[in-house]
N, C-alpha and C. Protein backbone atom coordinates (compact mmCIF):
# COMPACT_ATOMS: atom_id res chain seq x y z
N UNK A 1 12.11 19.83 26.64
CA UNK A 1 12.23 19.13 25.39
C UNK A 1 11.05 18.18 25.19
N UNK A 2 10.62 17.55 26.27
CA UNK A 2 9.47 16.64 26.14
C UNK A 2 8.24 17.40 25.66
N UNK A 3 8.05 18.61 26.16
CA UNK A 3 6.91 19.42 25.73
C UNK A 3 7.00 19.75 24.25
N UNK A 4 8.18 20.10 23.78
CA UNK A 4 8.37 20.44 22.37
C UNK A 4 8.11 19.22 21.49
N UNK A 5 8.64 18.06 21.89
CA UNK A 5 8.41 16.83 21.12
C UNK A 5 6.91 16.53 21.06
N UNK A 6 6.20 16.74 22.17
CA UNK A 6 4.75 16.55 22.19
C UNK A 6 4.04 17.51 21.25
N UNK A 7 4.48 18.77 21.23
CA UNK A 7 3.88 19.75 20.32
C UNK A 7 4.13 19.35 18.86
N UNK A 8 5.33 18.88 18.57
CA UNK A 8 5.62 18.43 17.21
C UNK A 8 4.68 17.30 16.82
N UNK A 9 4.53 16.33 17.73
CA UNK A 9 3.67 15.17 17.45
C UNK A 9 2.25 15.62 17.16
N UNK A 10 1.74 16.57 17.96
CA UNK A 10 0.36 17.06 17.74
C UNK A 10 0.22 17.77 16.40
N UNK A 11 1.32 18.31 15.88
CA UNK A 11 1.28 18.98 14.59
C UNK A 11 1.61 18.03 13.44
N UNK A 12 1.72 16.74 13.75
CA UNK A 12 1.97 15.75 12.71
C UNK A 12 3.42 15.67 12.28
N UNK A 13 4.33 16.05 13.16
CA UNK A 13 5.76 16.02 12.85
C UNK A 13 6.49 15.12 13.83
N UNK A 14 7.62 14.59 13.38
CA UNK A 14 8.50 13.87 14.29
C UNK A 14 9.94 14.17 13.95
N UNK A 15 10.77 14.07 14.95
CA UNK A 15 12.19 14.36 14.80
C UNK A 15 12.87 13.14 14.19
N UNK A 16 13.67 13.35 13.15
CA UNK A 16 14.42 12.25 12.54
C UNK A 16 15.85 12.18 13.08
N UNK A 17 16.51 13.34 13.17
CA UNK A 17 17.85 13.37 13.74
C UNK A 17 18.15 14.78 14.23
N UNK A 18 19.23 14.88 15.01
CA UNK A 18 19.58 16.17 15.59
C UNK A 18 21.09 16.30 15.69
N UNK A 19 21.55 17.52 15.51
CA UNK A 19 22.95 17.88 15.69
C UNK A 19 22.98 18.96 16.77
N UNK A 20 23.53 18.64 17.93
CA UNK A 20 23.48 19.53 19.09
C UNK A 20 24.89 19.95 19.49
N UNK A 21 25.08 21.25 19.69
CA UNK A 21 26.33 21.78 20.21
C UNK A 21 26.05 22.48 21.53
N UNK A 22 26.74 22.05 22.56
CA UNK A 22 26.63 22.69 23.88
C UNK A 22 27.82 23.62 24.03
N UNK A 23 27.54 24.86 24.44
CA UNK A 23 28.58 25.88 24.57
C UNK A 23 28.78 26.16 26.05
N UNK A 24 29.94 25.77 26.56
CA UNK A 24 30.23 25.94 27.99
C UNK A 24 31.74 26.02 28.19
N UNK A 25 32.17 26.96 28.99
CA UNK A 25 33.58 27.05 29.34
C UNK A 25 33.94 25.92 30.30
N UNK A 26 33.08 25.68 31.27
CA UNK A 26 33.24 24.63 32.26
C UNK A 26 31.86 24.07 32.54
N UNK A 27 31.69 22.88 32.92
CA UNK A 27 32.67 21.82 33.07
C UNK A 27 32.99 21.20 31.71
N UNK A 28 34.01 20.40 31.68
CA UNK A 28 34.30 19.62 30.48
C UNK A 28 33.21 18.55 30.39
N UNK A 29 32.54 18.50 29.26
CA UNK A 29 31.34 17.67 29.14
C UNK A 29 31.56 16.28 28.56
N UNK A 30 32.69 16.05 27.92
CA UNK A 30 32.87 14.77 27.22
C UNK A 30 32.65 13.55 28.12
N UNK A 31 33.02 13.56 29.41
CA UNK A 31 32.74 12.38 30.23
C UNK A 31 31.24 12.10 30.39
N UNK A 32 30.42 13.11 30.21
CA UNK A 32 28.98 12.97 30.38
C UNK A 32 28.24 12.65 29.08
N UNK A 33 28.94 12.70 27.96
CA UNK A 33 28.28 12.55 26.66
C UNK A 33 27.49 11.25 26.50
N UNK A 34 28.01 10.09 26.89
CA UNK A 34 27.20 8.87 26.69
C UNK A 34 25.83 8.97 27.38
N UNK A 35 25.82 9.40 28.62
CA UNK A 35 24.54 9.52 29.34
C UNK A 35 23.68 10.63 28.75
N UNK A 36 24.30 11.77 28.41
CA UNK A 36 23.55 12.87 27.81
C UNK A 36 22.92 12.44 26.49
N UNK A 37 23.72 11.75 25.65
CA UNK A 37 23.21 11.31 24.34
C UNK A 37 22.01 10.39 24.53
N UNK A 38 22.12 9.43 25.43
CA UNK A 38 21.01 8.50 25.64
C UNK A 38 19.77 9.21 26.17
N UNK A 39 19.94 10.14 27.10
CA UNK A 39 18.79 10.82 27.68
C UNK A 39 18.13 11.76 26.68
N UNK A 40 18.93 12.53 25.94
CA UNK A 40 18.36 13.44 24.93
C UNK A 40 17.65 12.64 23.85
N UNK A 41 18.27 11.54 23.41
CA UNK A 41 17.63 10.71 22.38
C UNK A 41 16.32 10.13 22.89
N UNK A 42 16.29 9.70 24.15
CA UNK A 42 15.06 9.15 24.72
C UNK A 42 13.94 10.19 24.70
N UNK A 43 14.27 11.40 25.16
CA UNK A 43 13.27 12.47 25.21
C UNK A 43 12.80 12.84 23.79
N UNK A 44 13.73 12.82 22.85
CA UNK A 44 13.39 13.19 21.46
C UNK A 44 12.78 12.02 20.68
N UNK A 45 12.72 10.86 21.30
CA UNK A 45 12.12 9.67 20.69
C UNK A 45 12.84 9.25 19.42
N UNK A 46 14.18 9.29 19.48
CA UNK A 46 15.02 8.84 18.37
C UNK A 46 16.09 7.90 18.92
N UNK A 47 16.65 7.03 18.07
CA UNK A 47 17.77 6.21 18.53
C UNK A 47 19.00 7.09 18.80
N UNK A 48 19.83 6.72 19.77
CA UNK A 48 21.00 7.54 20.07
C UNK A 48 21.94 7.76 18.89
N UNK A 49 21.96 6.83 17.94
CA UNK A 49 22.87 7.02 16.79
C UNK A 49 22.36 8.09 15.82
N UNK A 50 21.17 8.63 16.06
CA UNK A 50 20.66 9.73 15.24
C UNK A 50 20.85 11.08 15.92
N UNK A 51 21.64 11.10 16.98
CA UNK A 51 21.91 12.32 17.71
C UNK A 51 23.42 12.57 17.72
N UNK A 52 23.84 13.66 17.11
CA UNK A 52 25.24 14.07 17.16
C UNK A 52 25.36 15.12 18.26
N UNK A 53 26.23 14.86 19.21
CA UNK A 53 26.39 15.73 20.37
C UNK A 53 27.84 16.16 20.46
N UNK A 54 28.05 17.47 20.57
CA UNK A 54 29.42 17.97 20.70
C UNK A 54 29.41 19.19 21.61
N UNK A 55 30.60 19.57 22.07
CA UNK A 55 30.72 20.72 22.96
C UNK A 55 31.84 21.62 22.47
N UNK A 56 31.72 22.89 22.82
CA UNK A 56 32.75 23.86 22.48
C UNK A 56 32.77 24.93 23.57
N UNK A 57 33.80 25.75 23.53
CA UNK A 57 33.88 26.90 24.43
C UNK A 57 33.82 28.17 23.58
N UNK A 58 33.73 29.29 24.25
CA UNK A 58 33.77 30.58 23.54
C UNK A 58 35.09 31.29 23.82
N UNK A 59 36.08 30.52 24.23
CA UNK A 59 37.41 31.08 24.51
C UNK A 59 37.33 32.25 25.48
N UNK A 60 36.52 32.04 26.53
CA UNK A 60 36.36 33.00 27.63
C UNK A 60 35.64 34.29 27.23
N UNK A 61 34.94 34.26 26.10
CA UNK A 61 34.17 35.43 25.66
C UNK A 61 32.70 35.24 25.98
N UNK A 62 32.01 36.33 26.28
CA UNK A 62 30.57 36.30 26.52
C UNK A 62 30.21 35.63 27.82
N UNK A 63 28.89 35.49 28.06
CA UNK A 63 28.42 34.93 29.32
C UNK A 63 28.90 33.50 29.53
N UNK A 64 28.94 32.70 28.45
CA UNK A 64 29.40 31.32 28.60
C UNK A 64 30.88 31.29 28.93
N UNK A 65 31.65 32.15 28.30
CA UNK A 65 33.09 32.21 28.57
C UNK A 65 33.41 32.70 29.96
N UNK A 66 32.54 33.54 30.50
CA UNK A 66 32.71 34.02 31.88
C UNK A 66 32.12 33.04 32.89
N UNK A 67 31.65 31.89 32.40
CA UNK A 67 31.07 30.83 33.22
C UNK A 67 29.81 31.29 33.95
N UNK A 68 29.05 32.17 33.30
CA UNK A 68 27.79 32.65 33.86
C UNK A 68 26.60 31.83 33.37
N UNK A 69 26.84 30.94 32.44
CA UNK A 69 25.76 30.12 31.92
C UNK A 69 26.26 29.19 30.83
N UNK A 70 25.36 28.38 30.34
CA UNK A 70 25.64 27.43 29.27
C UNK A 70 24.60 27.65 28.18
N UNK A 71 25.01 27.54 26.93
CA UNK A 71 24.09 27.69 25.80
C UNK A 71 24.13 26.41 24.97
N UNK A 72 23.14 26.26 24.10
CA UNK A 72 23.11 25.11 23.19
C UNK A 72 22.49 25.54 21.87
N UNK A 73 23.00 24.97 20.81
CA UNK A 73 22.44 25.15 19.47
C UNK A 73 22.04 23.76 18.98
N UNK A 74 20.91 23.68 18.31
CA UNK A 74 20.47 22.40 17.76
C UNK A 74 19.92 22.61 16.36
N UNK A 75 20.32 21.74 15.46
CA UNK A 75 19.77 21.69 14.12
C UNK A 75 19.11 20.33 13.99
N UNK A 76 17.84 20.33 13.61
CA UNK A 76 17.11 19.07 13.56
C UNK A 76 16.47 18.87 12.19
N UNK A 77 16.26 17.63 11.85
CA UNK A 77 15.52 17.27 10.65
C UNK A 77 14.18 16.70 11.11
N UNK A 78 13.10 17.29 10.62
CA UNK A 78 11.76 16.86 10.98
C UNK A 78 11.12 16.16 9.79
N UNK A 79 10.21 15.25 10.10
CA UNK A 79 9.46 14.54 9.07
C UNK A 79 7.98 14.67 9.36
N UNK A 80 7.20 14.84 8.31
CA UNK A 80 5.75 14.83 8.44
C UNK A 80 5.33 13.38 8.57
N UNK A 81 4.47 13.08 9.57
CA UNK A 81 3.99 11.72 9.73
C UNK A 81 3.33 11.25 8.43
N UNK A 82 3.63 10.05 8.01
CA UNK A 82 2.91 9.51 6.85
C UNK A 82 1.42 9.36 7.18
N UNK A 83 0.56 9.70 6.23
CA UNK A 83 -0.88 9.57 6.48
C UNK A 83 -1.47 8.36 5.81
């Protein structure tokens, strides 16, 4: 993520906010959300209140449901640096 944020910066863009969904059958992630939110926000160079973080399962379907991995989806709003 740090590399991507650096690439954005070099292209004259910055992240304004993000909506992130983590897809995992296990472990239950809600106890980790405060630390995750702070760390992701730090890496993305945004305040934690501009990061929406949530988790879901796939009801035991697919690789995430079989506990073979974890996936994430993110929707972000980018801004062109003012010149």
